Structure formats: C-alpha cells, structure tokens
Amino acid sequence: MGRYIIRRILWGIAMLFIVSAVVFFIFYVLPSADPAVLRAGRNAGPQQIAQIRHSLGLDKPIWQQYLIYVRQVFLHFDFGYSYQYNVPVRQLIFSRLPATIWLTVGAVIIWLALGLTVGIISAVRRRSIVDRASMTTSLAFISAPVFWLGLVSLYLFADDIGQFPIFPGQGSFASASTVFQKAGAMILPWCVLAAATSAVYARYMRASMIDTMGEDYIRTARAKGLPERTVIRRHAVRSAITPIVTLLGLDVGILLAGNAILTETVFNIPGVGRLLYNAINVSDLTTIQGITLFGAFFIVFFNLIVDIGYAYLDPRVRYT
C-alpha cells in the first residue's frame, strides 16, 4: 500500500509540472496580449513598458523565463500580481476560496444524498414506474443548463424578485454576516449546482448497482438466506459505490478549481469561479494562469485521495 501511495504522489507531482509547462506555453509563448502592456495600462510609454518587461523577466530567453516561473510557483507559491487589482494572485484566490468551499461542500452533500438514494432505489425497483420517472427526471436535469436553472430559481424563489419569495436572492451571500445567514443564502445555489450533478450520480449509481446485483457473490448471499436489505446495504452498495468515489474526487477538485463559474456568476457569489470570470473579461492573464495552476493542484490532490480510497475499497488496485 505504501509503494502504491508513493507512486501516485510522484505521478501527481509530474502532472503538476506538465500542467505548468502547458500553462507557460499558452500564456508566454503563444501569440497573445503583451503582459507588460497589460500591467502598464493604457497610457504607459515605451520606456515604462520596457521597465515592466525587465522587472517581469520577459526580456530573457524562454527557457530562463520558464525556470523563473517554476521556481516562483513551486518554491514560493507565487503566481504573480493581478493586472486588475494590483495585488498578489495568491491573496486574491485565498480571499475568494471560502465562498467556493461553502458552495462546493453544500452541493456535494445534496447531490450525494439525493443521487445515490435515487440510483439505489431505481436499481432495486428496475423497470418500475419509480425507476422510469426518476431516470426521466434525471435526464431532464442533466439537459438543463446550469445558468438557466439558476435564473429560474431566482425568478421563482428569490426574496427580491421571486414569485414565491422564500430564499435569499442574488448577492445575499456577500452581505451575510453569520453562519446561518450564509447557509440560508446558499440554499438556492446549492440546489442549482447539485441538480444536474445529482442526476448524473443517480444514473451512474443505478447502472453500477444493476451490474453488481448480477454478480455471483450477491446470488450466494441471497442463497444463504440473508435478508434482501442486508444484501443490498452490506454487499451490493459497497461494491457499486466504488466507481462513484472516482467521480466524486474529480468533481470536487474541479469545483474548487473554479468550475462553478456559472453558478457563482448567476448568484453573484464572490468565489474563485467569479474571480476567473472577471479576469477573463479584462484579460487579467496573471490571475487566469494562477487560477488554472491552483485548480490543477486541487484536481491532482483530490485524484490522489480518490486513488487511495479506491485502493482501500478494492485491494486489487494496489498491485496494478
């Protein structure tokens, strides 16, 4: 088990270096907006731009720029300064990360509870009315765009513009001061973000459960006279949930990396996704590449956690 973990850690570190090389190539080598010009502003003269180019190291050979870039990112955790806010990108990301964590944790709890429950029930009652209704509903939520679900939920339930003003509306999370107020402000974003994802998990769990229920050890457990509830909970669910663990790790890492950009934008949540959206609008390249690398770290980290959990659930993985 220890060797397996070490291999996965080394592979994760290698992936981070590969991602850093790709990001550097995109932002520094490919034709794009000049970072020195963006940093200097519209009214800067050639001399000022040249000074900024020298301070950023953009007048050096590409390979030297990459070595400086790697040293700053991996040794000092320095992503540079934001062109828009003129503050360290690391500071910007850390200031927005709590809101994204709030959004991610709540949505994960909802989509796991709802998606796994619906998937298990649909698999146990396969081809029943409950199964057909739940899978049809799941397909509808998967097909619905997140921004559309967000706008509809605000129109129906927001306390400022909603037809049924029940929950706090757009921008309420930023003005909330207590934990309960923040949780209340996140109810609609949680539900919107979890809607499509829980539908995906329900379909995955149903398919995995159906495959598992046909295995020999399930038939053996039934032949021994075990109650059906025990067979499902202790044998079928544990085996069927293993692929879901992989999916969960990827989804959590991607959301923390700023992939909740649509949800955060619709509900005006000051998270990493909203920061990325604003950076793209103003061509803040330093912030964009910083969020990209920060997101890569989260994805690699949660992939590592998933691999370890997968090896625990399925010991055969440790030797492959």
C-alpha atoms as a PDB file:
ATOM      1  CA  MET A   1       0.000   0.000   0.000  1.00  0.00           C
ATOM      2  CA  GLY A   2       2.851   2.379   0.857  1.00  0.00           C
ATOM      3  CA  ARG A   3       4.547   1.869  -2.506  1.00  0.00           C
ATOM      4  CA  TYR A   4       1.266   2.464  -4.282  1.00  0.00           C
ATOM      5  CA  ILE A   5       0.770   5.783  -2.452  1.00  0.00           C
ATOM      6  CA  ILE A   6       4.347   6.871  -3.240  1.00  0.00           C
ATOM      7  CA  ARG A   7       3.821   6.060  -6.924  1.00  0.00           C
ATOM      8  CA  ARG A   8       0.633   8.100  -7.013  1.00  0.00           C
ATOM      9  CA  ILE A   9       2.286  11.063  -5.259  1.00  0.00           C
ATOM     10  CA  LEU A  10       5.179  11.045  -7.746  1.00  0.00           C
ATOM     11  CA  TRP A  11       2.726  10.813 -10.623  1.00  0.00           C
ATOM     12  CA  GLY A  12       0.784  13.779  -9.204  1.00  0.00           C
ATOM     13  CA  ILE A  13       3.946  15.884  -8.944  1.00  0.00           C
ATOM     14  CA  ALA A  14       4.838  15.006 -12.531  1.00  0.00           C
ATOM     15  CA  MET A  15       1.348  16.020 -13.662  1.00  0.00           C
ATOM     16  CA  LEU A  16       1.698  19.401 -11.935  1.00  0.00           C
ATOM     17  CA  PHE A  17       4.952  20.046 -13.791  1.00  0.00           C
ATOM     18  CA  ILE A  18       3.318  19.058 -17.085  1.00  0.00           C
ATOM     19  CA  VAL A  19       0.391  21.396 -16.421  1.00  0.00           C
ATOM     20  CA  SER A  20       2.776  24.222 -15.521  1.00  0.00           C
ATOM     21  CA  ALA A  21       4.641  23.705 -18.804  1.00  0.00           C
ATOM     22  CA  VAL A  22       1.394  23.771 -20.797  1.00  0.00           C
ATOM     23  CA  VAL A  23       0.167  26.900 -18.983  1.00  0.00           C
ATOM     24  CA  PHE A  24       3.514  28.619 -19.523  1.00  0.00           C
ATOM     25  CA  PHE A  25       3.454  27.725 -23.233  1.00  0.00           C
ATOM     26  CA  ILE A  26      -0.084  29.099 -23.641  1.00  0.00           C
ATOM     27  CA  PHE A  27       0.436  32.366 -21.770  1.00  0.00           C
ATOM     28  CA  TYR A  28       4.082  33.140 -22.545  1.00  0.00           C
ATOM     29  CA  VAL A  29       4.935  31.517 -25.879  1.00  0.00           C
ATOM     30  CA  LEU A  30       1.772  31.568 -27.984  1.00  0.00           C
ATOM     31  CA  PRO A  31       0.782  34.925 -29.518  1.00  0.00           C
ATOM     32  CA  SER A  32      -1.400  36.791 -27.039  1.00  0.00           C
ATOM     33  CA  ALA A  33      -1.709  40.144 -25.325  1.00  0.00           C
ATOM     34  CA  ASP A  34       1.615  41.506 -24.074  1.00  0.00           C
ATOM     35  CA  PRO A  35       1.708  41.046 -20.258  1.00  0.00           C
ATOM     36  CA  ALA A  36       3.923  44.127 -19.891  1.00  0.00           C
ATOM     37  CA  VAL A  37       1.418  46.295 -21.764  1.00  0.00           C
ATOM     38  CA  LEU A  38      -1.477  44.926 -19.713  1.00  0.00           C
ATOM     39  CA  ARG A  39       0.420  45.555 -16.493  1.00  0.00           C
ATOM     40  CA  ALA A  40       1.448  49.093 -17.505  1.00  0.00           C
ATOM     41  CA  GLY A  41      -2.011  50.285 -18.506  1.00  0.00           C
ATOM     42  CA  ARG A  42      -3.325  52.207 -21.490  1.00  0.00           C
ATOM     43  CA  ASN A  43      -1.351  55.435 -21.070  1.00  0.00           C
ATOM     44  CA  ALA A  44       2.090  53.909 -20.458  1.00  0.00           C
ATOM     45  CA  GLY A  45       5.025  54.941 -22.617  1.00  0.00           C
ATOM     46  CA  PRO A  46       7.608  52.666 -24.279  1.00  0.00           C
ATOM     47  CA  GLN A  47      10.178  53.272 -21.537  1.00  0.00           C
ATOM     48  CA  GLN A  48       7.752  52.302 -18.775  1.00  0.00           C
ATOM     49  CA  ILE A  49       6.694  49.189 -20.695  1.00  0.00           C
ATOM     50  CA  ALA A  50      10.358  48.227 -21.153  1.00  0.00           C
ATOM     51  CA  GLN A  51      10.978  48.619 -17.411  1.00  0.00           C
ATOM     52  CA  ILE A  52       7.993  46.427 -16.582  1.00  0.00           C
ATOM     53  CA  ARG A  53       9.118  43.863 -19.142  1.00  0.00           C
ATOM     54  CA  HIS A  54      12.533  43.770 -17.461  1.00  0.00           C
ATOM     55  CA  SER A  55      11.046  43.502 -13.950  1.00  0.00           C
ATOM     56  CA  LEU A  56       8.847  40.609 -15.080  1.00  0.00           C
ATOM     57  CA  GLY A  57      11.786  38.881 -16.764  1.00  0.00           C
ATOM     58  CA  LEU A  58      10.092  38.952 -20.164  1.00  0.00           C
ATOM     59  CA  ASP A  59      13.279  40.172 -21.859  1.00  0.00           C
ATOM     60  CA  LYS A  60      15.102  36.932 -21.044  1.00  0.00           C
ATOM     61  CA  PRO A  61      15.220  33.732 -23.153  1.00  0.00           C
ATOM     62  CA  ILE A  62      12.167  31.494 -22.944  1.00  0.00           C
ATOM     63  CA  TRP A  63      13.925  28.717 -21.041  1.00  0.00           C
ATOM     64  CA  GLN A  64      15.115  31.158 -18.381  1.00  0.00           C
ATOM     65  CA  GLN A  65      11.599  32.572 -18.094  1.00  0.00           C
ATOM     66  CA  TYR A  66      10.269  29.060 -17.536  1.00  0.00           C
ATOM     67  CA  LEU A  67      12.837  28.292 -14.823  1.00  0.00           C
ATOM     68  CA  ILE A  68      11.946  31.533 -13.032  1.00  0.00           C
ATOM     69  CA  TYR A  69       8.263  30.702 -13.459  1.00  0.00           C
ATOM     70  CA  VAL A  70       8.663  27.198 -11.988  1.00  0.00           C
ATOM     71  CA  ARG A  71      10.738  28.493  -9.077  1.00  0.00           C
ATOM     72  CA  GLN A  72       8.164  31.133  -8.198  1.00  0.00           C
ATOM     73  CA  VAL A  73       5.209  28.755  -8.433  1.00  0.00           C
ATOM     74  CA  PHE A  74       6.552  25.606  -6.780  1.00  0.00           C
ATOM     75  CA  LEU A  75       9.047  27.018  -4.274  1.00  0.00           C
ATOM     76  CA  HIS A  76       7.408  30.293  -3.273  1.00  0.00           C
ATOM     77  CA  PHE A  77       3.782  29.589  -4.257  1.00  0.00           C
ATOM     78  CA  ASP A  78       3.881  32.919  -6.071  1.00  0.00           C
ATOM     79  CA  PHE A  79       1.519  33.337  -9.033  1.00  0.00           C
ATOM     80  CA  GLY A  80       2.449  36.955  -9.655  1.00  0.00           C
ATOM     81  CA  TYR A  81       0.400  40.145  -9.345  1.00  0.00           C
ATOM     82  CA  SER A  82      -3.049  40.712 -10.741  1.00  0.00           C
ATOM     83  CA  TYR A  83      -3.145  43.302 -13.527  1.00  0.00           C
ATOM     84  CA  GLN A  84      -6.643  44.365 -12.490  1.00  0.00           C
ATOM     85  CA  TYR A  85      -6.319  44.577  -8.697  1.00  0.00           C
ATOM     86  CA  ASN A  86      -2.522  45.040  -8.409  1.00  0.00           C
ATOM     87  CA  VAL A  87      -2.347  42.566  -5.524  1.00  0.00           C
ATOM     88  CA  PRO A  88      -0.802  39.068  -5.385  1.00  0.00           C
ATOM     89  CA  VAL A  89      -2.912  36.480  -7.206  1.00  0.00           C
ATOM     90  CA  ARG A  90      -2.416  34.098  -4.294  1.00  0.00           C
ATOM     91  CA  GLN A  91      -4.050  36.630  -1.983  1.00  0.00           C
ATOM     92  CA  LEU A  92      -6.961  37.041  -4.394  1.00  0.00           C
ATOM     93  CA  ILE A  93      -7.534  33.295  -4.650  1.00  0.00           C
ATOM     94  CA  PHE A  94      -7.366  32.728  -0.895  1.00  0.00           C
ATOM     95  CA  SER A  95      -9.807  35.582  -0.287  1.00  0.00           C
ATOM     96  CA  ARG A  96     -12.336  34.007  -2.693  1.00  0.00           C
ATOM     97  CA  LEU A  97     -11.745  30.375  -1.756  1.00  0.00           C
ATOM     98  CA  PRO A  98     -14.006  30.281   1.373  1.00  0.00           C
ATOM     99  CA  ALA A  99     -17.095  31.153  -0.686  1.00  0.00           C
ATOM    100  CA  THR A 100     -16.275  28.425  -3.206  1.00  0.00           C
ATOM    101  CA  ILE A 101     -15.730  25.922  -0.380  1.00  0.00           C
ATOM    102  CA  TRP A 102     -19.128  26.867   1.070  1.00  0.00           C
ATOM    103  CA  LEU A 103     -20.748  26.300  -2.315  1.00  0.00           C
ATOM    104  CA  THR A 104     -18.918  23.040  -3.010  1.00  0.00           C
ATOM    105  CA  VAL A 105     -19.442  21.355   0.363  1.00  0.00           C
ATOM    106  CA  GLY A 106     -23.175  22.050   0.476  1.00  0.00           C
ATOM    107  CA  ALA A 107     -23.716  20.980  -3.124  1.00  0.00           C
ATOM    108  CA  VAL A 108     -21.718  17.771  -2.609  1.00  0.00           C
ATOM    109  CA  ILE A 109     -23.807  16.790   0.422  1.00  0.00           C
ATOM    110  CA  ILE A 110     -27.038  17.358  -1.503  1.00  0.00           C
ATOM    111  CA  TRP A 111     -26.044  15.585  -4.706  1.00  0.00           C
ATOM    112  CA  LEU A 112     -24.590  12.588  -2.857  1.00  0.00           C
ATOM    113  CA  ALA A 113     -27.631  12.157  -0.624  1.00  0.00           C
ATOM    114  CA  LEU A 114     -30.085  12.618  -3.482  1.00  0.00           C
ATOM    115  CA  GLY A 115     -28.176  10.997  -6.331  1.00  0.00           C
ATOM    116  CA  LEU A 116     -27.091   7.841  -4.525  1.00  0.00           C
ATOM    117  CA  THR A 117     -30.509   7.331  -2.937  1.00  0.00           C
ATOM    118  CA  VAL A 118     -32.346   7.713  -6.240  1.00  0.00           C
ATOM    119  CA  GLY A 119     -29.833   5.482  -8.020  1.00  0.00           C
ATOM    120  CA  ILE A 120     -30.133   2.689  -5.460  1.00  0.00           C
ATOM    121  CA  ILE A 121     -33.939   2.803  -5.417  1.00  0.00           C
ATOM    122  CA  SER A 122     -34.096   2.827  -9.223  1.00  0.00           C
ATOM    123  CA  ALA A 123     -31.770  -0.181  -9.439  1.00  0.00           C
ATOM    124  CA  VAL A 124     -33.678  -2.162  -6.820  1.00  0.00           C
ATOM    125  CA  ARG A 125     -37.012  -1.324  -8.492  1.00  0.00           C
ATOM    126  CA  ARG A 126     -35.731  -1.658 -12.015  1.00  0.00           C
ATOM    127  CA  ARG A 127     -38.257  -1.052 -14.815  1.00  0.00           C
ATOM    128  CA  SER A 128     -40.898   0.096 -12.353  1.00  0.00           C
ATOM    129  CA  ILE A 129     -42.782   3.377 -12.530  1.00  0.00           C
ATOM    130  CA  VAL A 130     -40.460   4.806  -9.882  1.00  0.00           C
ATOM    131  CA  ASP A 131     -37.424   3.840 -11.948  1.00  0.00           C
ATOM    132  CA  ARG A 132     -38.762   5.307 -15.182  1.00  0.00           C
ATOM    133  CA  ALA A 133     -39.916   8.522 -13.519  1.00  0.00           C
ATOM    134  CA  SER A 134     -36.628   9.090 -11.691  1.00  0.00           C
ATOM    135  CA  MET A 135     -34.488   8.401 -14.751  1.00  0.00           C
ATOM    136  CA  THR A 136     -36.639  10.664 -16.935  1.00  0.00           C
ATOM    137  CA  THR A 137     -36.370  13.438 -14.361  1.00  0.00           C
ATOM    138  CA  SER A 138     -32.627  12.877 -14.138  1.00  0.00           C
ATOM    139  CA  LEU A 139     -32.275  13.207 -17.896  1.00  0.00           C
ATOM    140  CA  ALA A 140     -34.233  16.476 -17.804  1.00  0.00           C
ATOM    141  CA  PHE A 141     -31.945  17.971 -15.142  1.00  0.00           C
ATOM    142  CA  ILE A 142     -28.821  16.802 -16.981  1.00  0.00           C
ATOM    143  CA  SER A 143     -30.049  18.516 -20.143  1.00  0.00           C
ATOM    144  CA  ALA A 144     -30.910  21.809 -18.400  1.00  0.00           C
ATOM    145  CA  PRO A 145     -28.112  24.431 -18.448  1.00  0.00           C
ATOM    146  CA  VAL A 146     -26.917  25.492 -15.009  1.00  0.00           C
ATOM    147  CA  PHE A 147     -27.348  29.207 -15.707  1.00  0.00           C
ATOM    148  CA  TRP A 148     -30.945  28.589 -16.818  1.00  0.00           C
ATOM    149  CA  LEU A 149     -31.728  26.646 -13.644  1.00  0.00           C
ATOM    150  CA  GLY A 150     -30.187  29.469 -11.624  1.00  0.00           C
ATOM    151  CA  LEU A 151     -32.228  32.165 -13.327  1.00  0.00           C
ATOM    152  CA  VAL A 152     -35.438  30.142 -12.996  1.00  0.00           C
ATOM    153  CA  SER A 153     -34.800  29.519  -9.292  1.00  0.00           C
ATOM    154  CA  LEU A 154     -34.209  33.240  -8.723  1.00  0.00           C
ATOM    155  CA  TYR A 155     -37.375  34.121 -10.634  1.00  0.00           C
ATOM    156  CA  LEU A 156     -39.427  31.664  -8.585  1.00  0.00           C
ATOM    157  CA  PHE A 157     -37.969  31.711  -5.080  1.00  0.00           C
ATOM    158  CA  ALA A 158     -35.666  34.730  -4.541  1.00  0.00           C
ATOM    159  CA  ASP A 159     -36.862  37.112  -1.844  1.00  0.00           C
ATOM    160  CA  ASP A 160     -36.286  40.178  -4.030  1.00  0.00           C
ATOM    161  CA  ILE A 161     -37.701  39.243  -7.444  1.00  0.00           C
ATOM    162  CA  GLY A 162     -39.246  35.801  -6.879  1.00  0.00           C
ATOM    163  CA  GLN A 163     -42.862  34.894  -7.412  1.00  0.00           C
ATOM    164  CA  PHE A 164     -42.672  32.899  -4.189  1.00  0.00           C
ATOM    165  CA  PRO A 165     -40.123  34.861  -2.103  1.00  0.00           C
ATOM    166  CA  ILE A 166     -38.802  32.143   0.181  1.00  0.00           C
ATOM    167  CA  PHE A 167     -34.986  32.154  -0.025  1.00  0.00           C
ATOM    168  CA  PRO A 168     -32.345  34.918  -0.116  1.00  0.00           C
ATOM    169  CA  GLY A 169     -31.654  36.142  -3.626  1.00  0.00           C
ATOM    170  CA  GLN A 170     -28.693  37.254  -5.709  1.00  0.00           C
ATOM    171  CA  GLY A 171     -25.727  38.721  -3.850  1.00  0.00           C
ATOM    172  CA  SER A 172     -27.055  37.775  -0.412  1.00  0.00           C
ATOM    173  CA  PHE A 173     -24.024  35.632   0.473  1.00  0.00           C
ATOM    174  CA  ALA A 174     -21.606  38.566   0.297  1.00  0.00           C
ATOM    175  CA  SER A 175     -23.747  40.613   2.694  1.00  0.00           C
ATOM    176  CA  ALA A 176     -24.373  37.736   5.141  1.00  0.00           C
ATOM    177  CA  SER A 177     -22.552  38.103   8.450  1.00  0.00           C
ATOM    178  CA  THR A 178     -23.381  34.923  10.399  1.00  0.00           C
ATOM    179  CA  VAL A 179     -23.021  31.250   9.587  1.00  0.00           C
ATOM    180  CA  PHE A 180     -26.795  30.771   9.476  1.00  0.00           C
ATOM    181  CA  GLN A 181     -27.227  33.731   7.139  1.00  0.00           C
ATOM    182  CA  LYS A 182     -24.513  32.386   4.840  1.00  0.00           C
ATOM    183  CA  ALA A 183     -26.131  28.942   4.846  1.00  0.00           C
ATOM    184  CA  GLY A 184     -29.512  30.475   4.031  1.00  0.00           C
ATOM    185  CA  ALA A 185     -28.001  32.492   1.196  1.00  0.00           C
ATOM    186  CA  MET A 186     -26.509  29.293  -0.246  1.00  0.00           C
ATOM    187  CA  ILE A 187     -29.716  27.249  -0.372  1.00  0.00           C
ATOM    188  CA  LEU A 188     -30.609  28.184  -3.945  1.00  0.00           C
ATOM    189  CA  PRO A 189     -27.014  27.932  -5.274  1.00  0.00           C
ATOM    190  CA  TRP A 190     -26.587  24.560  -3.558  1.00  0.00           C
ATOM    191  CA  CYS A 191     -29.768  23.197  -5.109  1.00  0.00           C
ATOM    192  CA  VAL A 192     -28.975  24.549  -8.572  1.00  0.00           C
ATOM    193  CA  LEU A 193     -25.403  23.238  -8.583  1.00  0.00           C
ATOM    194  CA  ALA A 194     -26.475  19.874  -7.170  1.00  0.00           C
ATOM    195  CA  ALA A 195     -29.436  19.394  -9.528  1.00  0.00           C
ATOM    196  CA  ALA A 196     -27.602  18.266 -12.656  1.00  0.00           C
ATOM    197  CA  THR A 197     -24.796  16.543 -10.748  1.00  0.00           C
ATOM    198  CA  SER A 198     -27.154  14.505  -8.577  1.00  0.00           C
ATOM    199  CA  ALA A 199     -28.922  13.403 -11.750  1.00  0.00           C
ATOM    200  CA  VAL A 200     -25.599  12.183 -13.178  1.00  0.00           C
ATOM    201  CA  TYR A 201     -24.780  10.351  -9.948  1.00  0.00           C
ATOM    202  CA  ALA A 202     -28.221   8.748  -9.881  1.00  0.00           C
ATOM    203  CA  ARG A 203     -27.741   7.292 -13.352  1.00  0.00           C
ATOM    204  CA  TYR A 204     -24.182   6.139 -12.588  1.00  0.00           C
ATOM    205  CA  MET A 205     -25.255   4.555  -9.309  1.00  0.00           C
ATOM    206  CA  ARG A 206     -28.192   2.816 -10.938  1.00  0.00           C
ATOM    207  CA  ALA A 207     -26.007   1.313 -13.675  1.00  0.00           C
ATOM    208  CA  SER A 208     -23.344   0.243 -11.176  1.00  0.00           C
ATOM    209  CA  MET A 209     -25.933  -1.290  -8.842  1.00  0.00           C
ATOM    210  CA  ILE A 210     -27.568  -3.239 -11.668  1.00  0.00           C
ATOM    211  CA  ASP A 211     -24.196  -4.709 -12.674  1.00  0.00           C
ATOM    212  CA  THR A 212     -23.362  -5.549  -9.072  1.00  0.00           C
ATOM    213  CA  MET A 213     -26.720  -7.189  -8.372  1.00  0.00           C
ATOM    214  CA  GLY A 214     -25.958  -9.722 -11.099  1.00  0.00           C
ATOM    215  CA  GLU A 215     -22.663 -10.862  -9.554  1.00  0.00           C
ATOM    216  CA  ASP A 216     -22.204 -14.379  -8.181  1.00  0.00           C
ATOM    217  CA  TYR A 217     -21.493 -13.268  -4.617  1.00  0.00           C
ATOM    218  CA  ILE A 218     -24.836 -11.443  -4.499  1.00  0.00           C
ATOM    219  CA  ARG A 219     -26.631 -14.620  -5.550  1.00  0.00           C
ATOM    220  CA  THR A 220     -24.622 -16.543  -2.952  1.00  0.00           C
ATOM    221  CA  ALA A 221     -25.622 -14.089  -0.225  1.00  0.00           C
ATOM    222  CA  ARG A 222     -29.269 -14.496  -1.178  1.00  0.00           C
ATOM    223  CA  ALA A 223     -28.910 -18.289  -1.285  1.00  0.00           C
ATOM    224  CA  LYS A 224     -27.595 -18.213   2.289  1.00  0.00           C
ATOM    225  CA  GLY A 225     -30.872 -16.672   3.370  1.00  0.00           C
ATOM    226  CA  LEU A 226     -29.668 -13.149   4.126  1.00  0.00           C
ATOM    227  CA  PRO A 227     -32.432 -10.531   4.151  1.00  0.00           C
ATOM    228  CA  GLU A 228     -32.684  -8.535   0.943  1.00  0.00           C
ATOM    229  CA  ARG A 229     -31.997  -5.292   2.805  1.00  0.00           C
ATOM    230  CA  THR A 230     -28.763  -6.746   4.198  1.00  0.00           C
ATOM    231  CA  VAL A 231     -27.696  -7.995   0.769  1.00  0.00           C
ATOM    232  CA  ILE A 232     -28.231  -4.550  -0.727  1.00  0.00           C
ATOM    233  CA  ARG A 233     -26.661  -2.479   2.043  1.00  0.00           C
ATOM    234  CA  ARG A 234     -23.686  -4.633   3.046  1.00  0.00           C
ATOM    235  CA  HIS A 235     -22.767  -6.234  -0.258  1.00  0.00           C
ATOM    236  CA  ALA A 236     -24.252  -4.505  -3.289  1.00  0.00           C
ATOM    237  CA  VAL A 237     -23.945  -0.852  -2.278  1.00  0.00           C
ATOM    238  CA  ARG A 238     -20.322  -1.091  -1.122  1.00  0.00           C
ATOM    239  CA  SER A 239     -19.218  -2.664  -4.391  1.00  0.00           C
ATOM    240  CA  ALA A 240     -21.369  -0.426  -6.569  1.00  0.00           C
ATOM    241  CA  ILE A 241     -20.227   2.790  -4.922  1.00  0.00           C
ATOM    242  CA  THR A 242     -16.553   2.268  -5.826  1.00  0.00           C
ATOM    243  CA  PRO A 243     -16.766   3.947  -9.291  1.00  0.00           C
ATOM    244  CA  ILE A 244     -18.664   6.839  -7.695  1.00  0.00           C
ATOM    245  CA  VAL A 245     -15.653   7.578  -5.478  1.00  0.00           C
ATOM    246  CA  THR A 246     -13.550   8.314  -8.557  1.00  0.00           C
ATOM    247  CA  LEU A 247     -16.219  10.569  -9.998  1.00  0.00           C
ATOM    248  CA  LEU A 248     -16.643  12.410  -6.689  1.00  0.00           C
ATOM    249  CA  GLY A 249     -12.951  13.226  -6.373  1.00  0.00           C
ATOM    250  CA  LEU A 250     -12.829  14.705  -9.851  1.00  0.00           C
ATOM    251  CA  ASP A 251     -15.995  16.747  -9.340  1.00  0.00           C
ATOM    252  CA  VAL A 252     -14.882  18.211  -6.007  1.00  0.00           C
ATOM    253  CA  GLY A 253     -11.458  19.128  -7.363  1.00  0.00           C
ATOM    254  CA  ILE A 254     -12.932  20.732 -10.467  1.00  0.00           C
ATOM    255  CA  LEU A 255     -15.446  22.778  -8.464  1.00  0.00           C
ATOM    256  CA  LEU A 256     -12.770  24.074  -6.096  1.00  0.00           C
ATOM    257  CA  ALA A 257     -10.711  24.923  -9.173  1.00  0.00           C
ATOM    258  CA  GLY A 258     -13.346  27.459 -10.210  1.00  0.00           C
ATOM    259  CA  ASN A 259     -15.614  25.333 -12.381  1.00  0.00           C
ATOM    260  CA  ALA A 260     -18.675  26.656 -10.536  1.00  0.00           C
ATOM    261  CA  ILE A 261     -18.223  29.828 -12.574  1.00  0.00           C
ATOM    262  CA  LEU A 262     -21.804  29.875 -13.897  1.00  0.00           C
ATOM    263  CA  THR A 263     -23.418  29.318 -10.502  1.00  0.00           C
ATOM    264  CA  GLU A 264     -21.220  31.920  -8.818  1.00  0.00           C
ATOM    265  CA  THR A 265     -21.916  34.417 -11.591  1.00  0.00           C
ATOM    266  CA  VAL A 266     -25.694  33.961 -11.608  1.00  0.00           C
ATOM    267  CA  PHE A 267     -25.957  34.254  -7.813  1.00  0.00           C
ATOM    268  CA  ASN A 268     -23.171  36.861  -7.524  1.00  0.00           C
ATOM    269  CA  ILE A 269     -21.107  34.725  -5.143  1.00  0.00           C
ATOM    270  CA  PRO A 270     -17.578  36.121  -4.607  1.00  0.00           C
ATOM    271  CA  GLY A 271     -15.817  32.819  -5.238  1.00  0.00           C
ATOM    272  CA  VAL A 272     -12.934  31.573  -7.346  1.00  0.00           C
ATOM    273  CA  GLY A 273     -15.199  30.984 -10.342  1.00  0.00           C
ATOM    274  CA  ARG A 274     -16.457  34.565 -10.271  1.00  0.00           C
ATOM    275  CA  LEU A 275     -12.870  35.785  -9.949  1.00  0.00           C
ATOM    276  CA  LEU A 276     -11.960  33.768 -13.046  1.00  0.00           C
ATOM    277  CA  TYR A 277     -14.942  35.206 -14.924  1.00  0.00           C
ATOM    278  CA  ASN A 278     -13.891  38.772 -14.114  1.00  0.00           C
ATOM    279  CA  ALA A 279     -10.263  38.034 -15.023  1.00  0.00           C
ATOM    280  CA  ILE A 280     -11.285  36.681 -18.431  1.00  0.00           C
ATOM    281  CA  ASN A 281     -13.402  39.766 -19.126  1.00  0.00           C
ATOM    282  CA  VAL A 282     -10.488  42.160 -18.521  1.00  0.00           C
ATOM    283  CA  SER A 283      -7.721  39.867 -19.895  1.00  0.00           C
ATOM    284  CA  ASP A 284      -6.030  39.588 -16.492  1.00  0.00           C
ATOM    285  CA  LEU A 285      -3.651  36.880 -17.694  1.00  0.00           C
ATOM    286  CA  THR A 286      -1.748  36.520 -14.431  1.00  0.00           C
ATOM    287  CA  THR A 287      -4.936  35.814 -12.496  1.00  0.00           C
ATOM    288  CA  ILE A 288      -6.173  33.393 -15.157  1.00  0.00           C
ATOM    289  CA  GLN A 289      -2.967  31.353 -15.151  1.00  0.00           C
ATOM    290  CA  GLY A 290      -2.808  31.466 -11.339  1.00  0.00           C
ATOM    291  CA  ILE A 291      -6.322  30.064 -11.011  1.00  0.00           C
ATOM    292  CA  THR A 292      -5.500  27.446 -13.649  1.00  0.00           C
ATOM    293  CA  LEU A 293      -2.450  26.224 -11.728  1.00  0.00           C
ATOM    294  CA  PHE A 294      -4.262  26.433  -8.404  1.00  0.00           C
ATOM    295  CA  GLY A 295      -7.097  24.399  -9.889  1.00  0.00           C
ATOM    296  CA  ALA A 296      -4.658  21.829 -11.250  1.00  0.00           C
ATOM    297  CA  PHE A 297      -3.292  21.379  -7.735  1.00  0.00           C
ATOM    298  CA  PHE A 298      -6.783  20.729  -6.367  1.00  0.00           C
ATOM    299  CA  ILE A 299      -7.616  18.250  -9.115  1.00  0.00           C
ATOM    300  CA  VAL A 300      -4.346  16.337  -8.670  1.00  0.00           C
ATOM    301  CA  PHE A 301      -4.730  16.366  -4.876  1.00  0.00           C
ATOM    302  CA  PHE A 302      -8.275  15.006  -4.909  1.00  0.00           C
ATOM    303  CA  ASN A 303      -7.305  12.448  -7.550  1.00  0.00           C
ATOM    304  CA  LEU A 304      -4.637  11.240  -5.125  1.00  0.00           C
ATOM    305  CA  ILE A 305      -7.203  10.996  -2.323  1.00  0.00           C
ATOM    306  CA  VAL A 306      -9.541   9.106  -4.657  1.00  0.00           C
ATOM    307  CA  ASP A 307      -6.809   6.668  -5.705  1.00  0.00           C
ATOM    308  CA  ILE A 308      -6.008   5.898  -2.065  1.00  0.00           C
ATOM    309  CA  GLY A 309      -9.688   5.460  -1.243  1.00  0.00           C
ATOM    310  CA  TYR A 310     -10.166   3.290  -4.316  1.00  0.00           C
ATOM    311  CA  ALA A 311      -7.263   1.076  -3.255  1.00  0.00           C
ATOM    312  CA  TYR A 312      -8.838   0.733   0.185  1.00  0.00           C
ATOM    313  CA  LEU A 313     -12.203  -0.268  -1.256  1.00  0.00           C
ATOM    314  CA  ASP A 314     -10.694  -2.563  -3.894  1.00  0.00           C
ATOM    315  CA  PRO A 315      -7.344  -4.110  -2.772  1.00  0.00           C
ATOM    316  CA  ARG A 316      -6.680  -5.374  -6.301  1.00  0.00           C
ATOM    317  CA  VAL A 317      -5.866  -1.802  -7.352  1.00  0.00           C
ATOM    318  CA  ARG A 318      -2.786  -1.681  -5.088  1.00  0.00           C
ATOM    319  CA  TYR A 319      -0.861  -4.099  -7.258  1.00  0.00           C
ATOM    320  CA  THR A 320      -1.722  -2.698 -10.679  1.00  0.00           C
END
